[in-house]
Each structure stands twice: as structure tokens, then as C-alpha cells.
């Protein structure tokens, strides 16, 4: 429901304000590269964490070590199949059912999701 376009000069300030407004403490990053460091930068100290699950940029993450050392933010890898398997069989079945129902609710009859953005 909240979108910040990263094309302009002030997008990081906009994102930081949105993070504060929503009291957000984590971000999920499929791009990696410079974006990972930018996301970590706008998150709050001690509770901020970026979960990286892709490398679309094809580059290494750009992280300020001060965010990790002094501000106690975290960078974590996330792989859905590992998360689903954590906690044993009952947990795995529960997570699979919950995840698939959330994904399926956003799909159309043809199996594709349709999203429309307007400026």
C-alpha cells in the first residue's frame, strides 16, 4: 500500500520518513548491490534488519560497517524453502498452507497477478 519510487533525488529521505511513520524495522531485498546498503541505512538502530533473498543487481552488497557495528542493525539471508522447513513437519505444513493461501488469494483466474499503479 506504500510505494517509494527510487528514481528521484529525494527517495531516500522519502523512504526514511515512511519507515518512521510506519515504525518499520525490516526490509526485504531482491536486488542487492547498492540497494541493500540504502535499505539498511534508513532502518532504525538496534531493531533494523534487511533480509536479502536475491541478487538482481549482480553486484556485491554496499553496506556501511558502522550500521552493523555501532547501530546494531542486521543483514540476513532469506530463502523461502529453508524457512518453510524450519520447525519440523507440523510447522512446515502450516507454513506451506499459510503461504500458498496468501499467494493464491492475489492471483486471477488465469493464475497471474494483475497490478495497476497510477501516479
PDB file of N, CA and C in Angstrom:
ATOM      1  N   UNK A   1       0.802  -1.206   0.000  1.00  0.00           N
ATOM      2  CA  UNK A   1       0.000   0.000   0.000  1.00  0.00           C
ATOM      3  C   UNK A   1       0.843   1.269   0.000  1.00  0.00           C
ATOM      4  N   UNK A   2       2.144   1.124   0.242  1.00  0.00           N
ATOM      5  CA  UNK A   2       3.043   2.272   0.284  1.00  0.00           C
ATOM      6  C   UNK A   2       4.164   2.044  -0.720  1.00  0.00           C
ATOM      7  N   UNK A   3       4.361   3.018  -1.605  1.00  0.00           N
ATOM      8  CA  UNK A   3       5.377   2.896  -2.648  1.00  0.00           C
ATOM      9  C   UNK A   3       6.268   4.129  -2.625  1.00  0.00           C
ATOM     10  N   UNK A   4       7.570   3.909  -2.647  1.00  0.00           N
ATOM     11  CA  UNK A   4       8.533   4.991  -2.791  1.00  0.00           C
ATOM     12  C   UNK A   4       9.320   4.699  -4.060  1.00  0.00           C
ATOM     13  N   UNK A   5       9.254   5.603  -5.014  1.00  0.00           N
ATOM     14  CA  UNK A   5       9.955   5.437  -6.285  1.00  0.00           C
ATOM     15  C   UNK A   5      11.403   5.882  -6.102  1.00  0.00           C
ATOM     16  N   UNK A   6      12.339   5.028  -6.480  1.00  0.00           N
ATOM     17  CA  UNK A   6      13.760   5.300  -6.244  1.00  0.00           C
ATOM     18  C   UNK A   6      14.422   6.084  -7.374  1.00  0.00           C
ATOM     19  N   UNK A   7      13.640   6.665  -8.253  1.00  0.00           N
ATOM     20  CA  UNK A   7      14.201   7.351  -9.419  1.00  0.00           C
ATOM     21  C   UNK A   7      14.625   8.795  -9.124  1.00  0.00           C
ATOM     22  N   UNK A   8      14.033   9.454  -8.157  1.00  0.00           N
ATOM     23  CA  UNK A   8      14.333  10.859  -7.902  1.00  0.00           C
ATOM     24  C   UNK A   8      15.513  11.072  -6.977  1.00  0.00           C
ATOM     25  N   UNK A   9      15.798  12.349  -6.694  1.00  0.00           N
ATOM     26  CA  UNK A   9      16.921  12.707  -5.826  1.00  0.00           C
ATOM     27  C   UNK A   9      16.608  12.516  -4.343  1.00  0.00           C
ATOM     28  N   UNK A  10      15.350  12.607  -3.964  1.00  0.00           N
ATOM     29  CA  UNK A  10      14.975  12.598  -2.548  1.00  0.00           C
ATOM     30  C   UNK A  10      14.347  11.295  -2.087  1.00  0.00           C
ATOM     31  N   UNK A  11      14.499  10.222  -2.836  1.00  0.00           N
ATOM     32  CA  UNK A  11      13.791   8.995  -2.496  1.00  0.00           C
ATOM     33  C   UNK A  11      14.214   8.420  -1.149  1.00  0.00           C
ATOM     34  N   UNK A  12      15.511   8.555  -0.795  1.00  0.00           N
ATOM     35  CA  UNK A  12      15.948   8.011   0.498  1.00  0.00           C
ATOM     36  C   UNK A  12      15.312   8.765   1.661  1.00  0.00           C
ATOM     37  N   UNK A  13      15.177  10.070   1.532  1.00  0.00           N
ATOM     38  CA  UNK A  13      14.517  10.857   2.574  1.00  0.00           C
ATOM     39  C   UNK A  13      13.045  10.474   2.672  1.00  0.00           C
ATOM     40  N   UNK A  14      12.401  10.268   1.511  1.00  0.00           N
ATOM     41  CA  UNK A  14      11.002   9.831   1.498  1.00  0.00           C
ATOM     42  C   UNK A  14      10.858   8.464   2.164  1.00  0.00           C
ATOM     43  N   UNK A  15      11.769   7.557   1.833  1.00  0.00           N
ATOM     44  CA  UNK A  15      11.712   6.217   2.414  1.00  0.00           C
ATOM     45  C   UNK A  15      11.966   6.262   3.918  1.00  0.00           C
ATOM     46  N   UNK A  16      12.925   7.064   4.337  1.00  0.00           N
ATOM     47  CA  UNK A  16      13.222   7.177   5.768  1.00  0.00           C
ATOM     48  C   UNK A  16      12.011   7.725   6.529  1.00  0.00           C
ATOM     49  N   UNK A  17      11.328   8.702   5.958  1.00  0.00           N
ATOM     50  CA  UNK A  17      10.124   9.250   6.590  1.00  0.00           C
ATOM     51  C   UNK A  17       9.024   8.196   6.661  1.00  0.00           C
ATOM     52  N   UNK A  18       8.878   7.410   5.610  1.00  0.00           N
ATOM     53  CA  UNK A  18       7.860   6.351   5.579  1.00  0.00           C
ATOM     54  C   UNK A  18       8.187   5.258   6.597  1.00  0.00           C
ATOM     55  N   UNK A  19       9.463   4.910   6.724  1.00  0.00           N
ATOM     56  CA  UNK A  19       9.897   3.918   7.719  1.00  0.00           C
ATOM     57  C   UNK A  19       9.537   4.399   9.123  1.00  0.00           C
ATOM     58  N   UNK A  20       9.794   5.675   9.385  1.00  0.00           N
ATOM     59  CA  UNK A  20       9.477   6.237  10.707  1.00  0.00           C
ATOM     60  C   UNK A  20       7.967   6.277  10.933  1.00  0.00           C
ATOM     61  N   UNK A  21       7.221   6.718   9.931  1.00  0.00           N
ATOM     62  CA  UNK A  21       5.758   6.801  10.036  1.00  0.00           C
ATOM     63  C   UNK A  21       5.140   5.435  10.332  1.00  0.00           C
ATOM     64  N   UNK A  22       5.628   4.401   9.661  1.00  0.00           N
ATOM     65  CA  UNK A  22       5.063   3.057   9.802  1.00  0.00           C
ATOM     66  C   UNK A  22       5.736   2.241  10.906  1.00  0.00           C
ATOM     67  N   UNK A  23       6.759   2.808  11.531  1.00  0.00           N
ATOM     68  CA  UNK A  23       7.530   2.107  12.561  1.00  0.00           C
ATOM     69  C   UNK A  23       8.084   0.791  12.011  1.00  0.00           C
ATOM     70  N   UNK A  24       8.549   0.833  10.769  1.00  0.00           N
ATOM     71  CA  UNK A  24       9.086  -0.363  10.107  1.00  0.00           C
ATOM     72  C   UNK A  24      10.462  -0.696  10.672  1.00  0.00           C
ATOM     73  N   UNK A  25      10.729  -1.982  10.822  1.00  0.00           N
ATOM     74  CA  UNK A  25      12.018  -2.416  11.359  1.00  0.00           C
ATOM     75  C   UNK A  25      12.755  -3.363  10.418  1.00  0.00           C
ATOM     76  N   UNK A  26      12.124  -3.755   9.308  1.00  0.00           N
ATOM     77  CA  UNK A  26      12.817  -4.663   8.393  1.00  0.00           C
ATOM     78  C   UNK A  26      12.465  -4.341   6.948  1.00  0.00           C
ATOM     79  N   UNK A  27      13.330  -4.815   6.071  1.00  0.00           N
ATOM     80  CA  UNK A  27      13.113  -4.663   4.633  1.00  0.00           C
ATOM     81  C   UNK A  27      13.522  -5.966   3.965  1.00  0.00           C
ATOM     82  N   UNK A  28      12.862  -6.296   2.869  1.00  0.00           N
ATOM     83  CA  UNK A  28      13.199  -7.478   2.076  1.00  0.00           C
ATOM     84  C   UNK A  28      13.778  -6.995   0.757  1.00  0.00           C
ATOM     85  N   UNK A  29      14.935  -7.532   0.397  1.00  0.00           N
ATOM     86  CA  UNK A  29      15.696  -7.023  -0.739  1.00  0.00           C
ATOM     87  C   UNK A  29      15.986  -8.126  -1.750  1.00  0.00           C
ATOM     88  N   UNK A  30      15.404  -8.005  -2.935  1.00  0.00           N
ATOM     89  CA  UNK A  30      15.668  -8.959  -4.016  1.00  0.00           C
ATOM     90  C   UNK A  30      16.724  -8.430  -4.978  1.00  0.00           C
ATOM     91  N   UNK A  31      17.097  -7.156  -4.835  1.00  0.00           N
ATOM     92  CA  UNK A  31      18.003  -6.515  -5.775  1.00  0.00           C
ATOM     93  C   UNK A  31      19.461  -6.696  -5.364  1.00  0.00           C
ATOM     94  N   UNK A  32      19.776  -6.414  -4.123  1.00  0.00           N
ATOM     95  CA  UNK A  32      21.128  -6.459  -3.569  1.00  0.00           C
ATOM     96  C   UNK A  32      21.929  -5.287  -4.123  1.00  0.00           C
ATOM     97  N   UNK A  33      23.237  -5.366  -4.168  1.00  0.00           N
ATOM     98  CA  UNK A  33      24.057  -4.257  -4.638  1.00  0.00           C
ATOM     99  C   UNK A  33      23.917  -3.045  -3.734  1.00  0.00           C
ATOM    100  N   UNK A  34      23.889  -1.854  -4.314  1.00  0.00           N
ATOM    101  CA  UNK A  34      23.779  -0.616  -3.543  1.00  0.00           C
ATOM    102  C   UNK A  34      22.481  -0.540  -2.756  1.00  0.00           C
ATOM    103  N   UNK A  35      21.416  -1.130  -3.270  1.00  0.00           N
ATOM    104  CA  UNK A  35      20.117  -1.043  -2.616  1.00  0.00           C
ATOM    105  C   UNK A  35      20.143  -1.612  -1.202  1.00  0.00           C
ATOM    106  N   UNK A  36      20.902  -2.659  -0.971  1.00  0.00           N
ATOM    107  CA  UNK A  36      20.959  -3.274   0.353  1.00  0.00           C
ATOM    108  C   UNK A  36      21.465  -2.277   1.389  1.00  0.00           C
ATOM    109  N   UNK A  37      22.542  -1.586   1.076  1.00  0.00           N
ATOM    110  CA  UNK A  37      23.077  -0.577   1.984  1.00  0.00           C
ATOM    111  C   UNK A  37      22.122   0.581   2.176  1.00  0.00           C
ATOM    112  N   UNK A  38      21.437   0.985   1.108  1.00  0.00           N
ATOM    113  CA  UNK A  38      20.462   2.072   1.209  1.00  0.00           C
ATOM    114  C   UNK A  38      19.306   1.680   2.124  1.00  0.00           C
ATOM    115  N   UNK A  39      18.824   0.453   1.983  1.00  0.00           N
ATOM    116  CA  UNK A  39      17.731  -0.012   2.838  1.00  0.00           C
ATOM    117  C   UNK A  39      18.172  -0.088   4.297  1.00  0.00           C
ATOM    118  N   UNK A  40      19.345  -0.628   4.537  1.00  0.00           N
ATOM    119  CA  UNK A  40      19.845  -0.739   5.907  1.00  0.00           C
ATOM    120  C   UNK A  40      20.034   0.646   6.519  1.00  0.00           C
ATOM    121  N   UNK A  41      20.473   1.594   5.711  1.00  0.00           N
ATOM    122  CA  UNK A  41      20.722   2.960   6.175  1.00  0.00           C
ATOM    123  C   UNK A  41      19.467   3.631   6.722  1.00  0.00           C
ATOM    124  N   UNK A  42      18.312   3.400   6.120  1.00  0.00           N
ATOM    125  CA  UNK A  42      17.094   4.103   6.538  1.00  0.00           C
ATOM    126  C   UNK A  42      16.361   3.417   7.693  1.00  0.00           C
ATOM    127  N   UNK A  43      16.767   2.210   8.050  1.00  0.00           N
ATOM    128  CA  UNK A  43      16.106   1.492   9.140  1.00  0.00           C
ATOM    129  C   UNK A  43      16.636   1.952  10.497  1.00  0.00           C
ATOM    130  N   UNK A  44      15.834   1.768  11.557  1.00  0.00           N
ATOM    131  CA  UNK A  44      16.236   2.247  12.883  1.00  0.00           C
ATOM    132  C   UNK A  44      17.371   1.422  13.494  1.00  0.00           C
ATOM    133  N   UNK A  45      18.193   2.059  14.352  1.00  0.00           N
ATOM    134  CA  UNK A  45      19.246   1.332  15.056  1.00  0.00           C
ATOM    135  C   UNK A  45      18.660   0.248  15.966  1.00  0.00           C
ATOM    136  N   UNK A  46      19.437  -0.746  16.249  1.00  0.00           N
ATOM    137  CA  UNK A  46      19.143  -1.868  17.149  1.00  0.00           C
ATOM    138  C   UNK A  46      18.073  -2.824  16.633  1.00  0.00           C
ATOM    139  N   UNK A  47      17.032  -2.333  15.981  1.00  0.00           N
ATOM    140  CA  UNK A  47      15.959  -3.222  15.511  1.00  0.00           C
ATOM    141  C   UNK A  47      15.943  -3.393  14.001  1.00  0.00           C
ATOM    142  N   UNK A  48      16.704  -2.603  13.264  1.00  0.00           N
ATOM    143  CA  UNK A  48      16.681  -2.650  11.806  1.00  0.00           C
ATOM    144  C   UNK A  48      17.356  -3.891  11.241  1.00  0.00           C
ATOM    145  N   UNK A  49      16.681  -4.530  10.287  1.00  0.00           N
ATOM    146  CA  UNK A  49      17.236  -5.723   9.638  1.00  0.00           C
ATOM    147  C   UNK A  49      16.804  -5.764   8.177  1.00  0.00           C
ATOM    148  N   UNK A  50      17.739  -6.097   7.307  1.00  0.00           N
ATOM    149  CA  UNK A  50      17.439  -6.308   5.892  1.00  0.00           C
ATOM    150  C   UNK A  50      17.590  -7.795   5.609  1.00  0.00           C
ATOM    151  N   UNK A  51      16.557  -8.372   4.996  1.00  0.00           N
ATOM    152  CA  UNK A  51      16.569  -9.775   4.589  1.00  0.00           C
ATOM    153  C   UNK A  51      16.798  -9.814   3.083  1.00  0.00           C
ATOM    154  N   UNK A  52      17.939 -10.319   2.676  1.00  0.00           N
ATOM    155  CA  UNK A  52      18.283 -10.391   1.262  1.00  0.00           C
ATOM    156  C   UNK A  52      17.931 -11.768   0.723  1.00  0.00           C
ATOM    157  N   UNK A  53      17.142 -11.790  -0.359  1.00  0.00           N
ATOM    158  CA  UNK A  53      16.734 -13.074  -0.939  1.00  0.00           C
ATOM    159  C   UNK A  53      16.973 -13.135  -2.438  1.00  0.00           C
ATOM    160  N   UNK A  54      17.782 -12.225  -2.954  1.00  0.00           N
ATOM    161  CA  UNK A  54      18.076 -12.242  -4.381  1.00  0.00           C
ATOM    162  C   UNK A  54      19.278 -11.378  -4.694  1.00  0.00           C
ATOM    163  N   UNK A  55      19.730 -11.463  -5.921  1.00  0.00           N
ATOM    164  CA  UNK A  55      20.882 -10.686  -6.358  1.00  0.00           C
ATOM    165  C   UNK A  55      20.683 -10.123  -7.746  1.00  0.00           C
ATOM    166  N   UNK A  56      19.528  -9.489  -7.974  1.00  0.00           N
ATOM    167  CA  UNK A  56      19.202  -8.986  -9.310  1.00  0.00           C
ATOM    168  C   UNK A  56      20.216  -7.971  -9.827  1.00  0.00           C
ATOM    169  N   UNK A  57      20.870  -7.233  -8.939  1.00  0.00           N
ATOM    170  CA  UNK A  57      21.854  -6.240  -9.371  1.00  0.00           C
ATOM    171  C   UNK A  57      23.114  -6.902  -9.917  1.00  0.00           C
ATOM    172  N   UNK A  58      23.355  -8.142  -9.522  1.00  0.00           N
ATOM    173  CA  UNK A  58      24.550  -8.838  -9.971  1.00  0.00           C
ATOM    174  C   UNK A  58      25.831  -8.286  -9.369  1.00  0.00           C
ATOM    175  N   UNK A  59      25.703  -7.534  -8.275  1.00  0.00           N
ATOM    176  CA  UNK A  59      26.857  -6.920  -7.619  1.00  0.00           C
ATOM    177  C   UNK A  59      26.833  -7.262  -6.134  1.00  0.00           C
ATOM    178  N   UNK A  60      27.968  -7.065  -5.489  1.00  0.00           N
ATOM    179  CA  UNK A  60      28.048  -7.265  -4.040  1.00  0.00           C
ATOM    180  C   UNK A  60      27.272  -6.169  -3.314  1.00  0.00           C
ATOM    181  N   UNK A  61      26.838  -6.490  -2.112  1.00  0.00           N
ATOM    182  CA  UNK A  61      26.116  -5.518  -1.287  1.00  0.00           C
ATOM    183  C   UNK A  61      27.033  -4.366  -0.893  1.00  0.00           C
ATOM    184  N   UNK A  62      26.464  -3.184  -0.823  1.00  0.00           N
ATOM    185  CA  UNK A  62      27.177  -1.991  -0.406  1.00  0.00           C
ATOM    186  C   UNK A  62      26.695  -1.643   1.006  1.00  0.00           C
ATOM    187  N   UNK A  63      27.406  -2.120   2.024  1.00  0.00           N
ATOM    188  CA  UNK A  63      26.984  -1.954   3.413  1.00  0.00           C
ATOM    189  C   UNK A  63      27.963  -1.053   4.158  1.00  0.00           C
ATOM    190  N   UNK A  64      27.426  -0.112   4.931  1.00  0.00           N
ATOM    191  CA  UNK A  64      28.243   0.700   5.818  1.00  0.00           C
ATOM    192  C   UNK A  64      28.497  -0.123   7.081  1.00  0.00           C
ATOM    193  N   UNK A  65      29.744  -0.492   7.374  1.00  0.00           N
ATOM    194  CA  UNK A  65      30.007  -1.330   8.544  1.00  0.00           C
ATOM    195  C   UNK A  65      29.563  -0.688   9.854  1.00  0.00           C
ATOM    196  N   UNK A  66      29.459   0.635   9.904  1.00  0.00           N
ATOM    197  CA  UNK A  66      29.005   1.317  11.118  1.00  0.00           C
ATOM    198  C   UNK A  66      27.552   0.964  11.439  1.00  0.00           C
ATOM    199  N   UNK A  67      26.753   0.693  10.386  1.00  0.00           N
ATOM    200  CA  UNK A  67      25.373   0.253  10.617  1.00  0.00           C
ATOM    201  C   UNK A  67      25.349  -1.073  11.366  1.00  0.00           C
ATOM    202  N   UNK A  68      26.276  -1.959  11.039  1.00  0.00           N
ATOM    203  CA  UNK A  68      26.323  -3.272  11.679  1.00  0.00           C
ATOM    204  C   UNK A  68      26.980  -3.207  13.057  1.00  0.00           C
ATOM    205  N   UNK A  69      28.061  -2.464  13.172  1.00  0.00           N
ATOM    206  CA  UNK A  69      28.843  -2.457  14.410  1.00  0.00           C
ATOM    207  C   UNK A  69      28.214  -1.556  15.474  1.00  0.00           C
ATOM    208  N   UNK A  70      28.074  -0.281  15.185  1.00  0.00           N
ATOM    209  CA  UNK A  70      27.633   0.676  16.200  1.00  0.00           C
ATOM    210  C   UNK A  70      26.117   0.807  16.291  1.00  0.00           C
ATOM    211  N   UNK A  71      25.443   0.697  15.170  1.00  0.00           N
ATOM    212  CA  UNK A  71      23.981   0.861  15.177  1.00  0.00           C
ATOM    213  C   UNK A  71      23.250  -0.464  15.375  1.00  0.00           C
ATOM    214  N   UNK A  72      23.991  -1.554  15.418  1.00  0.00           N
ATOM    215  CA  UNK A  72      23.481  -2.900  15.710  1.00  0.00           C
ATOM    216  C   UNK A  72      22.366  -3.345  14.762  1.00  0.00           C
ATOM    217  N   UNK A  73      22.433  -2.883  13.521  1.00  0.00           N
ATOM    218  CA  UNK A  73      21.485  -3.348  12.509  1.00  0.00           C
ATOM    219  C   UNK A  73      21.956  -4.704  12.006  1.00  0.00           C
ATOM    220  N   UNK A  74      21.084  -5.420  11.318  1.00  0.00           N
ATOM    221  CA  UNK A  74      21.427  -6.767  10.873  1.00  0.00           C
ATOM    222  C   UNK A  74      21.153  -6.952   9.385  1.00  0.00           C
ATOM    223  N   UNK A  75      21.996  -7.741   8.752  1.00  0.00           N
ATOM    224  CA  UNK A  75      21.797  -8.178   7.377  1.00  0.00           C
ATOM    225  C   UNK A  75      21.674  -9.692   7.421  1.00  0.00           C
ATOM    226  N   UNK A  76      20.564 -10.205   6.899  1.00  0.00           N
ATOM    227  CA  UNK A  76      20.318 -11.646   6.952  1.00  0.00           C
ATOM    228  C   UNK A  76      19.942 -12.156   5.575  1.00  0.00           C
ATOM    229  N   UNK A  77      20.352 -13.370   5.294  1.00  0.00           N
ATOM    230  CA  UNK A  77      19.918 -14.038   4.075  1.00  0.00           C
ATOM    231  C   UNK A  77      18.585 -14.724   4.329  1.00  0.00           C
ATOM    232  N   UNK A  78      17.742 -14.784   3.303  1.00  0.00           N
ATOM    233  CA  UNK A  78      16.441 -15.435   3.450  1.00  0.00           C
ATOM    234  C   UNK A  78      16.176 -16.303   2.227  1.00  0.00           C
ATOM    235  N   UNK A  79      15.867 -17.555   2.480  1.00  0.00           N
ATOM    236  CA  UNK A  79      15.467 -18.460   1.406  1.00  0.00           C
ATOM    237  C   UNK A  79      14.176 -19.137   1.846  1.00  0.00           C
ATOM    238  N   UNK A  80      13.126 -18.964   1.066  1.00  0.00           N
ATOM    239  CA  UNK A  80      11.798 -19.438   1.442  1.00  0.00           C
ATOM    240  C   UNK A  80      11.781 -20.918   1.784  1.00  0.00           C
ATOM    241  N   UNK A  81      12.448 -21.741   0.997  1.00  0.00           N
ATOM    242  CA  UNK A  81      12.404 -23.185   1.250  1.00  0.00           C
ATOM    243  C   UNK A  81      13.036 -23.541   2.597  1.00  0.00           C
ATOM    244  N   UNK A  82      14.080 -22.814   3.014  1.00  0.00           N
ATOM    245  CA  UNK A  82      14.680 -23.063   4.330  1.00  0.00           C
ATOM    246  C   UNK A  82      13.709 -22.666   5.435  1.00  0.00           C
ATOM    247  N   UNK A  83      13.053 -21.513   5.278  1.00  0.00           N
ATOM    248  CA  UNK A  83      12.101 -21.028   6.276  1.00  0.00           C
ATOM    249  C   UNK A  83      10.932 -21.994   6.426  1.00  0.00           C
ATOM    250  N   UNK A  84      10.417 -22.491   5.311  1.00  0.00           N
ATOM    251  CA  UNK A  84       9.284 -23.419   5.360  1.00  0.00           C
ATOM    252  C   UNK A  84       9.660 -24.685   6.123  1.00  0.00           C
ATOM    253  N   UNK A  85      10.892 -25.176   5.948  1.00  0.00           N
ATOM    254  CA  UNK A  85      11.318 -26.428   6.582  1.00  0.00           C
ATOM    255  C   UNK A  85      11.654 -26.283   8.067  1.00  0.00           C
ATOM    256  N   UNK A  86      11.953 -25.070   8.534  1.00  0.00           N
ATOM    257  CA  UNK A  86      12.318 -24.870   9.942  1.00  0.00           C
ATOM    258  C   UNK A  86      11.168 -25.248  10.868  1.00  0.00           C
ATOM    259  N   UNK A  87      11.471 -25.950  11.946  1.00  0.00           N
ATOM    260  CA  UNK A  87      10.470 -26.227  12.971  1.00  0.00           C
ATOM    261  C   UNK A  87       9.779 -27.562  12.868  1.00  0.00           C
ATOM    262  N   UNK A  88      10.194 -28.426  11.976  1.00  0.00           N
ATOM    263  CA  UNK A  88       9.603 -29.756  11.902  1.00  0.00           C
ATOM    264  C   UNK A  88       8.433 -29.851  10.937  1.00  0.00           C
ATOM    265  N   UNK A  89       7.864 -31.045  10.862  1.00  0.00           N
ATOM    266  CA  UNK A  89       6.835 -31.367   9.871  1.00  0.00           C
ATOM    267  C   UNK A  89       5.567 -30.545  10.048  1.00  0.00           C
ATOM    268  N   UNK A  90       5.051 -30.456  11.277  1.00  0.00           N
ATOM    269  CA  UNK A  90       3.799 -29.723  11.504  1.00  0.00           C
ATOM    270  C   UNK A  90       3.951 -28.244  11.151  1.00  0.00           C
ATOM    271  N   UNK A  91       5.066 -27.670  11.551  1.00  0.00           N
ATOM    272  CA  UNK A  91       5.331 -26.276  11.228  1.00  0.00           C
ATOM    273  C   UNK A  91       5.460 -26.089   9.722  1.00  0.00           C
ATOM    274  N   UNK A  92       6.126 -27.033   9.053  1.00  0.00           N
ATOM    275  CA  UNK A  92       6.312 -26.955   7.610  1.00  0.00           C
ATOM    276  C   UNK A  92       4.964 -26.981   6.891  1.00  0.00           C
ATOM    277  N   UNK A  93       4.089 -27.890   7.271  1.00  0.00           N
ATOM    278  CA  UNK A  93       2.770 -27.988   6.640  1.00  0.00           C
ATOM    279  C   UNK A  93       1.976 -26.709   6.886  1.00  0.00           C
ATOM    280  N   UNK A  94       2.009 -26.213   8.116  1.00  0.00           N
ATOM    281  CA  UNK A  94       1.290 -24.982   8.453  1.00  0.00           C
ATOM    282  C   UNK A  94       1.802 -23.801   7.636  1.00  0.00           C
ATOM    283  N   UNK A  95       3.112 -23.665   7.530  1.00  0.00           N
ATOM    284  CA  UNK A  95       3.689 -22.557   6.767  1.00  0.00           C
ATOM    285  C   UNK A  95       3.386 -22.680   5.282  1.00  0.00           C
ATOM    286  N   UNK A  96       3.426 -23.887   4.748  1.00  0.00           N
ATOM    287  CA  UNK A  96       3.113 -24.081   3.324  1.00  0.00           C
ATOM    288  C   UNK A  96       1.666 -23.707   3.034  1.00  0.00           C
ATOM    289  N   UNK A  97       0.743 -24.137   3.882  1.00  0.00           N
ATOM    290  CA  UNK A  97      -0.670 -23.817   3.676  1.00  0.00           C
ATOM    291  C   UNK A  97      -0.913 -22.320   3.797  1.00  0.00           C
ATOM    292  N   UNK A  98      -0.325 -21.708   4.818  1.00  0.00           N
ATOM    293  CA  UNK A  98      -0.498 -20.276   5.023  1.00  0.00           C
ATOM    294  C   UNK A  98       0.089 -19.473   3.864  1.00  0.00           C
ATOM    295  N   UNK A  99       1.304 -19.827   3.459  1.00  0.00           N
ATOM    296  CA  UNK A  99       1.972 -19.111   2.372  1.00  0.00           C
ATOM    297  C   UNK A  99       1.227 -19.266   1.056  1.00  0.00           C
ATOM    298  N   UNK A 100       0.827 -20.483   0.725  1.00  0.00           N
ATOM    299  CA  UNK A 100       0.144 -20.703  -0.556  1.00  0.00           C
ATOM    300  C   UNK A 100      -1.217 -20.026  -0.583  1.00  0.00           C
ATOM    301  N   UNK A 101      -1.933 -19.977   0.541  1.00  0.00           N
ATOM    302  CA  UNK A 101      -3.238 -19.309   0.537  1.00  0.00           C
ATOM    303  C   UNK A 101      -3.077 -17.809   0.329  1.00  0.00           C
ATOM    304  N   UNK A 102      -2.016 -17.221   0.892  1.00  0.00           N
ATOM    305  CA  UNK A 102      -1.779 -15.789   0.701  1.00  0.00           C
ATOM    306  C   UNK A 102      -1.382 -15.483  -0.737  1.00  0.00           C
ATOM    307  N   UNK A 103      -0.552 -16.323  -1.317  1.00  0.00           N
ATOM    308  CA  UNK A 103      -0.147 -16.123  -2.713  1.00  0.00           C
ATOM    309  C   UNK A 103      -1.341 -16.327  -3.634  1.00  0.00           C
ATOM    310  N   UNK A 104      -2.070 -17.403  -3.436  1.00  0.00           N
ATOM    311  CA  UNK A 104      -3.201 -17.723  -4.310  1.00  0.00           C
ATOM    312  C   UNK A 104      -4.304 -16.680  -4.249  1.00  0.00           C
ATOM    313  N   UNK A 105      -4.491 -16.032  -3.100  1.00  0.00           N
ATOM    314  CA  UNK A 105      -5.549 -15.023  -2.986  1.00  0.00           C
ATOM    315  C   UNK A 105      -5.277 -13.815  -3.873  1.00  0.00           C
ATOM    316  N   UNK A 106      -4.018 -13.598  -4.252  1.00  0.00           N
ATOM    317  CA  UNK A 106      -3.681 -12.471  -5.110  1.00  0.00           C
ATOM    318  C   UNK A 106      -3.644 -12.796  -6.591  1.00  0.00           C
ATOM    319  N   UNK A 107      -3.937 -14.030  -6.944  1.00  0.00           N
ATOM    320  CA  UNK A 107      -3.884 -14.440  -8.346  1.00  0.00           C
ATOM    321  C   UNK A 107      -5.255 -14.371  -8.996  1.00  0.00           C
ATOM    322  N   UNK A 108      -5.264 -14.081 -10.273  1.00  0.00           N
ATOM    323  CA  UNK A 108      -6.500 -14.090 -11.042  1.00  0.00           C
ATOM    324  C   UNK A 108      -6.852 -15.507 -11.469  1.00  0.00           C
ATOM    325  N   UNK A 109      -7.956 -15.653 -12.182  1.00  0.00           N
ATOM    326  CA  UNK A 109      -8.416 -16.973 -12.626  1.00  0.00           C
ATOM    327  C   UNK A 109      -7.407 -17.666 -13.537  1.00  0.00           C
ATOM    328  N   UNK A 110      -6.630 -16.865 -14.267  1.00  0.00           N
ATOM    329  CA  UNK A 110      -5.647 -17.443 -15.189  1.00  0.00           C
ATOM    330  C   UNK A 110      -4.320 -17.777 -14.507  1.00  0.00           C
ATOM    331  N   UNK A 111      -4.220 -17.545 -13.190  1.00  0.00           N
ATOM    332  CA  UNK A 111      -3.008 -17.872 -12.451  1.00  0.00           C
ATOM    333  C   UNK A 111      -1.983 -16.760 -12.395  1.00  0.00           C
ATOM    334  N   UNK A 112      -2.318 -15.582 -12.918  1.00  0.00           N
ATOM    335  CA  UNK A 112      -1.396 -14.455 -12.906  1.00  0.00           C
ATOM    336  C   UNK A 112      -1.953 -13.344 -12.029  1.00  0.00           C
ATOM    337  N   UNK A 113      -1.062 -12.558 -11.449  1.00  0.00           N
ATOM    338  CA  UNK A 113      -1.479 -11.401 -10.664  1.00  0.00           C
ATOM    339  C   UNK A 113      -1.479 -10.174 -11.570  1.00  0.00           C
ATOM    340  N   UNK A 114      -2.435  -9.312 -11.366  1.00  0.00           N
ATOM    341  CA  UNK A 114      -2.505  -8.060 -12.105  1.00  0.00           C
ATOM    342  C   UNK A 114      -2.410  -6.911 -11.118  1.00  0.00           C
ATOM    343  N   UNK A 115      -1.488  -5.991 -11.373  1.00  0.00           N
ATOM    344  CA  UNK A 115      -1.306  -4.842 -10.508  1.00  0.00           C
ATOM    345  C   UNK A 115      -1.291  -3.598 -11.371  1.00  0.00           C
ATOM    346  N   UNK A 116      -1.987  -2.587 -10.920  1.00  0.00           N
ATOM    347  CA  UNK A 116      -2.042  -1.333 -11.661  1.00  0.00           C
ATOM    348  C   UNK A 116      -1.579  -0.207 -10.749  1.00  0.00           C
ATOM    349  N   UNK A 117      -0.581   0.543 -11.204  1.00  0.00           N
ATOM    350  CA  UNK A 117      -0.080   1.679 -10.444  1.00  0.00           C
ATOM    351  C   UNK A 117      -0.426   2.950 -11.201  1.00  0.00           C
ATOM    352  N   UNK A 118      -0.804   3.964 -10.470  1.00  0.00           N
ATOM    353  CA  UNK A 118      -1.064   5.257 -11.085  1.00  0.00           C
ATOM    354  C   UNK A 118      -0.284   6.318 -10.332  1.00  0.00           C
ATOM    355  N   UNK A 119       0.206   7.309 -11.057  1.00  0.00           N
ATOM    356  CA  UNK A 119       0.924   8.427 -10.423  1.00  0.00           C
ATOM    357  C   UNK A 119      -0.059   9.490 -10.018  1.00  0.00           C
TER     358      UNK A 119
END
